[in-house]
Amino acid sequence: MAPVVHGLEDKWQGRASFFYLNIDDPQTTPWKQQLGYQYQPHLFLFDGNGNLIRQWVGFVDGQTLQQALADASS
């Protein structure tokens, strides 16, 4: 998933922000608990106001993520 997400991050630079939570990092535990984050990959898409739009657990192809970003930005 990392190459897919990093590729989208490059493509959407300046239009979307990407944040990464490492499941092994105890400093991110409060965020993981709040989001219901269980294992990698677990992706969340938020709008500009911080509202959860969509989430995916497990592998997601780049085309699906690209479309979700496009839909969220329109």
PDB file of N, CA and C in Angstrom:
ATOM      1  N   MET A   1       0.819  -1.196   0.000  1.00  0.00           N
ATOM      2  CA  MET A   1       0.000   0.000   0.000  1.00  0.00           C
ATOM      3  C   MET A   1       0.862   1.260   0.000  1.00  0.00           C
ATOM      4  N   ALA A   2       2.029   1.205   0.614  1.00  0.00           N
ATOM      5  CA  ALA A   2       2.853   2.416   0.748  1.00  0.00           C
ATOM      6  C   ALA A   2       3.145   3.075  -0.598  1.00  0.00           C
ATOM      7  N   PRO A   3       3.564   2.336  -1.631  1.00  0.00           N
ATOM      8  CA  PRO A   3       3.819   2.998  -2.914  1.00  0.00           C
ATOM      9  C   PRO A   3       2.571   3.657  -3.504  1.00  0.00           C
ATOM     10  N   VAL A   4       1.430   3.016  -3.332  1.00  0.00           N
ATOM     11  CA  VAL A   4       0.174   3.575  -3.843  1.00  0.00           C
ATOM     12  C   VAL A   4      -0.152   4.880  -3.128  1.00  0.00           C
ATOM     13  N   VAL A   5      -0.104   4.846  -1.805  1.00  0.00           N
ATOM     14  CA  VAL A   5      -0.460   6.033  -1.021  1.00  0.00           C
ATOM     15  C   VAL A   5       0.545   7.158  -1.242  1.00  0.00           C
ATOM     16  N   HIS A   6       1.830   6.822  -1.278  1.00  0.00           N
ATOM     17  CA  HIS A   6       2.839   7.865  -1.498  1.00  0.00           C
ATOM     18  C   HIS A   6       2.716   8.465  -2.904  1.00  0.00           C
ATOM     19  N   GLY A   7       2.348   7.659  -3.882  1.00  0.00           N
ATOM     20  CA  GLY A   7       2.112   8.172  -5.227  1.00  0.00           C
ATOM     21  C   GLY A   7       0.940   9.137  -5.258  1.00  0.00           C
ATOM     22  N   LEU A   8      -0.122   8.807  -4.555  1.00  0.00           N
ATOM     23  CA  LEU A   8      -1.278   9.709  -4.477  1.00  0.00           C
ATOM     24  C   LEU A   8      -0.923  10.975  -3.703  1.00  0.00           C
ATOM     25  N   GLU A   9      -0.118  10.825  -2.675  1.00  0.00           N
ATOM     26  CA  GLU A   9       0.311  11.997  -1.908  1.00  0.00           C
ATOM     27  C   GLU A   9       1.066  12.970  -2.807  1.00  0.00           C
ATOM     28  N   ASP A  10       1.939  12.458  -3.657  1.00  0.00           N
ATOM     29  CA  ASP A  10       2.664  13.315  -4.599  1.00  0.00           C
ATOM     30  C   ASP A  10       1.703  13.969  -5.587  1.00  0.00           C
ATOM     31  N   LYS A  11       0.776  13.194  -6.094  1.00  0.00           N
ATOM     32  CA  LYS A  11      -0.180  13.695  -7.094  1.00  0.00           C
ATOM     33  C   LYS A  11      -1.121  14.753  -6.514  1.00  0.00           C
ATOM     34  N   TRP A  12      -1.498  14.595  -5.255  1.00  0.00           N
ATOM     35  CA  TRP A  12      -2.464  15.495  -4.620  1.00  0.00           C
ATOM     36  C   TRP A  12      -1.805  16.566  -3.757  1.00  0.00           C
ATOM     37  N   GLN A  13      -0.508  16.723  -3.882  1.00  0.00           N
ATOM     38  CA  GLN A  13       0.225  17.698  -3.072  1.00  0.00           C
ATOM     39  C   GLN A  13      -0.410  19.083  -3.214  1.00  0.00           C
ATOM     40  N   GLY A  14      -0.653  19.716  -2.085  1.00  0.00           N
ATOM     41  CA  GLY A  14      -1.265  21.033  -2.074  1.00  0.00           C
ATOM     42  C   GLY A  14      -2.786  21.015  -2.082  1.00  0.00           C
ATOM     43  N   ARG A  15      -3.380  19.858  -2.395  1.00  0.00           N
ATOM     44  CA  ARG A  15      -4.843  19.759  -2.426  1.00  0.00           C
ATOM     45  C   ARG A  15      -5.388  18.824  -1.357  1.00  0.00           C
ATOM     46  N   ALA A  16      -4.519  17.975  -0.816  1.00  0.00           N
ATOM     47  CA  ALA A  16      -4.917  17.031   0.235  1.00  0.00           C
ATOM     48  C   ALA A  16      -3.724  16.821   1.159  1.00  0.00           C
ATOM     49  N   SER A  17      -4.003  16.562   2.408  1.00  0.00           N
ATOM     50  CA  SER A  17      -2.951  16.283   3.385  1.00  0.00           C
ATOM     51  C   SER A  17      -3.007  14.816   3.764  1.00  0.00           C
ATOM     52  N   PHE A  18      -1.858  14.211   3.895  1.00  0.00           N
ATOM     53  CA  PHE A  18      -1.751  12.804   4.247  1.00  0.00           C
ATOM     54  C   PHE A  18      -1.046  12.695   5.593  1.00  0.00           C
ATOM     55  N   PHE A  19      -1.610  11.895   6.486  1.00  0.00           N
ATOM     56  CA  PHE A  19      -1.037  11.664   7.810  1.00  0.00           C
ATOM     57  C   PHE A  19      -0.925  10.163   8.020  1.00  0.00           C
ATOM     58  N   TYR A  20       0.127   9.757   8.676  1.00  0.00           N
ATOM     59  CA  TYR A  20       0.398   8.333   8.861  1.00  0.00           C
ATOM     60  C   TYR A  20       0.461   7.991  10.338  1.00  0.00           C
ATOM     61  N   LEU A  21      -0.254   6.937  10.720  1.00  0.00           N
ATOM     62  CA  LEU A  21      -0.213   6.433  12.089  1.00  0.00           C
ATOM     63  C   LEU A  21       0.434   5.053  12.052  1.00  0.00           C
ATOM     64  N   ASN A  22       1.540   4.919  12.742  1.00  0.00           N
ATOM     65  CA  ASN A  22       2.211   3.639  12.826  1.00  0.00           C
ATOM     66  C   ASN A  22       1.582   2.832  13.948  1.00  0.00           C
ATOM     67  N   ILE A  23       1.103   1.662  13.632  1.00  0.00           N
ATOM     68  CA  ILE A  23       0.416   0.834  14.629  1.00  0.00           C
ATOM     69  C   ILE A  23       1.336   0.461  15.790  1.00  0.00           C
ATOM     70  N   ASP A  24       2.650   0.473  15.570  1.00  0.00           N
ATOM     71  CA  ASP A  24       3.607   0.111  16.615  1.00  0.00           C
ATOM     72  C   ASP A  24       4.078   1.291  17.455  1.00  0.00           C
ATOM     73  N   ASP A  25       3.639   2.487  17.118  1.00  0.00           N
ATOM     74  CA  ASP A  25       4.091   3.685  17.831  1.00  0.00           C
ATOM     75  C   ASP A  25       3.111   4.012  18.956  1.00  0.00           C
ATOM     76  N   PRO A  26       3.534   3.874  20.219  1.00  0.00           N
ATOM     77  CA  PRO A  26       2.612   4.127  21.331  1.00  0.00           C
ATOM     78  C   PRO A  26       2.150   5.585  21.420  1.00  0.00           C
ATOM     79  N   GLN A  27       2.883   6.514  20.813  1.00  0.00           N
ATOM     80  CA  GLN A  27       2.468   7.919  20.846  1.00  0.00           C
ATOM     81  C   GLN A  27       1.209   8.167  20.034  1.00  0.00           C
ATOM     82  N   THR A  28       0.884   7.268  19.116  1.00  0.00           N
ATOM     83  CA  THR A  28      -0.325   7.442  18.299  1.00  0.00           C
ATOM     84  C   THR A  28      -1.528   6.672  18.861  1.00  0.00           C
ATOM     85  N   THR A  29      -1.356   6.027  19.999  1.00  0.00           N
ATOM     86  CA  THR A  29      -2.434   5.216  20.583  1.00  0.00           C
ATOM     87  C   THR A  29      -3.742   5.984  20.760  1.00  0.00           C
ATOM     88  N   PRO A  30      -3.725   7.221  21.284  1.00  0.00           N
ATOM     89  CA  PRO A  30      -5.009   7.930  21.418  1.00  0.00           C
ATOM     90  C   PRO A  30      -5.735   8.110  20.082  1.00  0.00           C
ATOM     91  N   TRP A  31      -4.998   8.423  19.041  1.00  0.00           N
ATOM     92  CA  TRP A  31      -5.618   8.579  17.713  1.00  0.00           C
ATOM     93  C   TRP A  31      -6.169   7.248  17.228  1.00  0.00           C
ATOM     94  N   LYS A  32      -5.381   6.200  17.366  1.00  0.00           N
ATOM     95  CA  LYS A  32      -5.814   4.871  16.908  1.00  0.00           C
ATOM     96  C   LYS A  32      -7.083   4.445  17.633  1.00  0.00           C
ATOM     97  N   GLN A  33      -7.153   4.682  18.941  1.00  0.00           N
ATOM     98  CA  GLN A  33      -8.337   4.308  19.708  1.00  0.00           C
ATOM     99  C   GLN A  33      -9.551   5.121  19.271  1.00  0.00           C
ATOM    100  N   GLN A  34      -9.358   6.401  19.051  1.00  0.00           N
ATOM    101  CA  GLN A  34     -10.461   7.264  18.640  1.00  0.00           C
ATOM    102  C   GLN A  34     -11.000   6.859  17.268  1.00  0.00           C
ATOM    103  N   LEU A  35     -10.115   6.467  16.381  1.00  0.00           N
ATOM    104  CA  LEU A  35     -10.527   6.110  15.019  1.00  0.00           C
ATOM    105  C   LEU A  35     -10.979   4.660  14.881  1.00  0.00           C
ATOM    106  N   GLY A  36     -10.683   3.834  15.867  1.00  0.00           N
ATOM    107  CA  GLY A  36     -10.986   2.418  15.746  1.00  0.00           C
ATOM    108  C   GLY A  36      -9.972   1.687  14.891  1.00  0.00           C
ATOM    109  N   TYR A  37      -8.777   2.245  14.817  1.00  0.00           N
ATOM    110  CA  TYR A  37      -7.678   1.692  14.028  1.00  0.00           C
ATOM    111  C   TYR A  37      -7.241   0.376  14.627  1.00  0.00           C
ATOM    112  N   GLN A  38      -7.210  -0.675  13.787  1.00  0.00           N
ATOM    113  CA  GLN A  38      -6.887  -1.997  14.305  1.00  0.00           C
ATOM    114  C   GLN A  38      -5.606  -2.571  13.724  1.00  0.00           C
ATOM    115  N   TYR A  39      -5.435  -2.474  12.428  1.00  0.00           N
ATOM    116  CA  TYR A  39      -4.239  -3.027  11.803  1.00  0.00           C
ATOM    117  C   TYR A  39      -3.991  -2.338  10.478  1.00  0.00           C
ATOM    118  N   GLN A  40      -2.771  -2.528   9.998  1.00  0.00           N
ATOM    119  CA  GLN A  40      -2.378  -1.901   8.744  1.00  0.00           C
ATOM    120  C   GLN A  40      -2.696  -2.827   7.586  1.00  0.00           C
ATOM    121  N   PRO A  41      -3.101  -2.316   6.448  1.00  0.00           N
ATOM    122  CA  PRO A  41      -3.477  -0.926   6.224  1.00  0.00           C
ATOM    123  C   PRO A  41      -4.911  -0.650   6.644  1.00  0.00           C
ATOM    124  N   HIS A  42      -5.103   0.486   7.240  1.00  0.00           N
ATOM    125  CA  HIS A  42      -6.425   1.002   7.606  1.00  0.00           C
ATOM    126  C   HIS A  42      -6.390   2.472   7.215  1.00  0.00           C
ATOM    127  N   LEU A  43      -7.126   2.812   6.183  1.00  0.00           N
ATOM    128  CA  LEU A  43      -7.095   4.157   5.612  1.00  0.00           C
ATOM    129  C   LEU A  43      -8.374   4.910   5.931  1.00  0.00           C
ATOM    130  N   PHE A  44      -8.219   6.189   6.220  1.00  0.00           N
ATOM    131  CA  PHE A  44      -9.346   7.062   6.555  1.00  0.00           C
ATOM    132  C   PHE A  44      -9.307   8.268   5.631  1.00  0.00           C
ATOM    133  N   LEU A  45     -10.467   8.685   5.146  1.00  0.00           N
ATOM    134  CA  LEU A  45     -10.581   9.889   4.329  1.00  0.00           C
ATOM    135  C   LEU A  45     -11.482  10.869   5.073  1.00  0.00           C
ATOM    136  N   PHE A  46     -10.923  12.038   5.364  1.00  0.00           N
ATOM    137  CA  PHE A  46     -11.648  13.094   6.067  1.00  0.00           C
ATOM    138  C   PHE A  46     -11.858  14.284   5.146  1.00  0.00           C
ATOM    139  N   ASP A  47     -12.928  15.031   5.369  1.00  0.00           N
ATOM    140  CA  ASP A  47     -13.116  16.271   4.629  1.00  0.00           C
ATOM    141  C   ASP A  47     -12.293  17.379   5.290  1.00  0.00           C
ATOM    142  N   GLY A  48     -12.359  18.574   4.743  1.00  0.00           N
ATOM    143  CA  GLY A  48     -11.590  19.698   5.253  1.00  0.00           C
ATOM    144  C   GLY A  48     -11.967  20.131   6.656  1.00  0.00           C
ATOM    145  N   ASN A  49     -13.119  19.684   7.139  1.00  0.00           N
ATOM    146  CA  ASN A  49     -13.564  20.017   8.492  1.00  0.00           C
ATOM    147  C   ASN A  49     -13.268  18.918   9.498  1.00  0.00           C
ATOM    148  N   GLY A  50     -12.597  17.863   9.059  1.00  0.00           N
ATOM    149  CA  GLY A  50     -12.250  16.769   9.957  1.00  0.00           C
ATOM    150  C   GLY A  50     -13.323  15.715  10.105  1.00  0.00           C
ATOM    151  N   ASN A  51     -14.339  15.748   9.250  1.00  0.00           N
ATOM    152  CA  ASN A  51     -15.402  14.739   9.295  1.00  0.00           C
ATOM    153  C   ASN A  51     -14.986  13.513   8.487  1.00  0.00           C
ATOM    154  N   LEU A  52     -15.165  12.342   9.058  1.00  0.00           N
ATOM    155  CA  LEU A  52     -14.835  11.105   8.373  1.00  0.00           C
ATOM    156  C   LEU A  52     -15.796  10.888   7.214  1.00  0.00           C
ATOM    157  N   ILE A  53     -15.235  10.748   6.022  1.00  0.00           N
ATOM    158  CA  ILE A  53     -16.042  10.508   4.824  1.00  0.00           C
ATOM    159  C   ILE A  53     -16.116   9.014   4.527  1.00  0.00           C
ATOM    160  N   ARG A  54     -14.953   8.365   4.630  1.00  0.00           N
ATOM    161  CA  ARG A  54     -14.881   6.954   4.250  1.00  0.00           C
ATOM    162  C   ARG A  54     -13.657   6.329   4.887  1.00  0.00           C
ATOM    163  N   GLN A  55     -13.696   4.999   5.026  1.00  0.00           N
ATOM    164  CA  GLN A  55     -12.522   4.284   5.501  1.00  0.00           C
ATOM    165  C   GLN A  55     -12.439   2.928   4.818  1.00  0.00           C
ATOM    166  N   TRP A  56     -11.227   2.423   4.728  1.00  0.00           N
ATOM    167  CA  TRP A  56     -10.952   1.126   4.127  1.00  0.00           C
ATOM    168  C   TRP A  56     -10.050   0.344   5.059  1.00  0.00           C
ATOM    169  N   VAL A  57     -10.319  -0.932   5.223  1.00  0.00           N
ATOM    170  CA  VAL A  57      -9.467  -1.831   5.997  1.00  0.00           C
ATOM    171  C   VAL A  57      -8.949  -2.882   5.024  1.00  0.00           C
ATOM    172  N   GLY A  58      -7.624  -3.015   4.962  1.00  0.00           N
ATOM    173  CA  GLY A  58      -7.023  -3.949   4.028  1.00  0.00           C
ATOM    174  C   GLY A  58      -6.587  -3.234   2.762  1.00  0.00           C
ATOM    175  N   PHE A  59      -6.129  -4.002   1.806  1.00  0.00           N
ATOM    176  CA  PHE A  59      -5.611  -3.439   0.563  1.00  0.00           C
ATOM    177  C   PHE A  59      -6.711  -2.718  -0.218  1.00  0.00           C
ATOM    178  N   VAL A  60      -6.353  -1.562  -0.761  1.00  0.00           N
ATOM    179  CA  VAL A  60      -7.240  -0.787  -1.635  1.00  0.00           C
ATOM    180  C   VAL A  60      -6.424  -0.395  -2.852  1.00  0.00           C
ATOM    181  N   ASP A  61      -6.978  -0.586  -4.036  1.00  0.00           N
ATOM    182  CA  ASP A  61      -6.210  -0.227  -5.223  1.00  0.00           C
ATOM    183  C   ASP A  61      -6.160   1.293  -5.390  1.00  0.00           C
ATOM    184  N   GLY A  62      -5.137   1.747  -6.064  1.00  0.00           N
ATOM    185  CA  GLY A  62      -4.910   3.174  -6.249  1.00  0.00           C
ATOM    186  C   GLY A  62      -6.035   3.878  -6.973  1.00  0.00           C
ATOM    187  N   GLN A  63      -6.655   3.201  -7.914  1.00  0.00           N
ATOM    188  CA  GLN A  63      -7.747   3.806  -8.672  1.00  0.00           C
ATOM    189  C   GLN A  63      -8.940   4.120  -7.763  1.00  0.00           C
ATOM    190  N   THR A  64      -9.235   3.230  -6.828  1.00  0.00           N
ATOM    191  CA  THR A  64     -10.330   3.449  -5.879  1.00  0.00           C
ATOM    192  C   THR A  64     -10.034   4.652  -4.995  1.00  0.00           C
ATOM    193  N   LEU A  65      -8.806   4.730  -4.492  1.00  0.00           N
ATOM    194  CA  LEU A  65      -8.426   5.863  -3.647  1.00  0.00           C
ATOM    195  C   LEU A  65      -8.417   7.164  -4.434  1.00  0.00           C
ATOM    196  N   GLN A  66      -7.910   7.116  -5.659  1.00  0.00           N
ATOM    197  CA  GLN A  66      -7.891   8.300  -6.523  1.00  0.00           C
ATOM    198  C   GLN A  66      -9.303   8.827  -6.744  1.00  0.00           C
ATOM    199  N   GLN A  67     -10.236   7.936  -7.016  1.00  0.00           N
ATOM    200  CA  GLN A  67     -11.629   8.342  -7.240  1.00  0.00           C
ATOM    201  C   GLN A  67     -12.242   8.921  -5.983  1.00  0.00           C
ATOM    202  N   ALA A  68     -11.941   8.320  -4.834  1.00  0.00           N
ATOM    203  CA  ALA A  68     -12.482   8.835  -3.571  1.00  0.00           C
ATOM    204  C   ALA A  68     -11.957  10.238  -3.289  1.00  0.00           C
ATOM    205  N   LEU A  69     -10.684  10.473  -3.550  1.00  0.00           N
ATOM    206  CA  LEU A  69     -10.119  11.821  -3.381  1.00  0.00           C
ATOM    207  C   LEU A  69     -10.782  12.810  -4.338  1.00  0.00           C
ATOM    208  N   ALA A  70     -10.963  12.397  -5.578  1.00  0.00           N
ATOM    209  CA  ALA A  70     -11.603  13.265  -6.566  1.00  0.00           C
ATOM    210  C   ALA A  70     -13.037  13.585  -6.166  1.00  0.00           C
ATOM    211  N   ASP A  71     -13.774  12.584  -5.709  1.00  0.00           N
ATOM    212  CA  ASP A  71     -15.157  12.798  -5.282  1.00  0.00           C
ATOM    213  C   ASP A  71     -15.219  13.725  -4.075  1.00  0.00           C
ATOM    214  N   ALA A  72     -14.293  13.569  -3.141  1.00  0.00           N
ATOM    215  CA  ALA A  72     -14.278  14.381  -1.934  1.00  0.00           C
ATOM    216  C   ALA A  72     -13.899  15.832  -2.221  1.00  0.00           C
ATOM    217  N   SER A  73     -13.148  16.047  -3.278  1.00  0.00           N
ATOM    218  CA  SER A  73     -12.690  17.401  -3.578  1.00  0.00           C
ATOM    219  C   SER A  73     -13.675  18.180  -4.436  1.00  0.00           C
ATOM    220  N   SER A  74     -14.698  17.502  -4.947  1.00  0.00           N
ATOM    221  CA  SER A  74     -15.660  18.216  -5.810  1.00  0.00           C
ATOM    222  C   SER A  74     -16.835  18.759  -5.040  1.00  0.00           C
TER     223      SER A  74
END
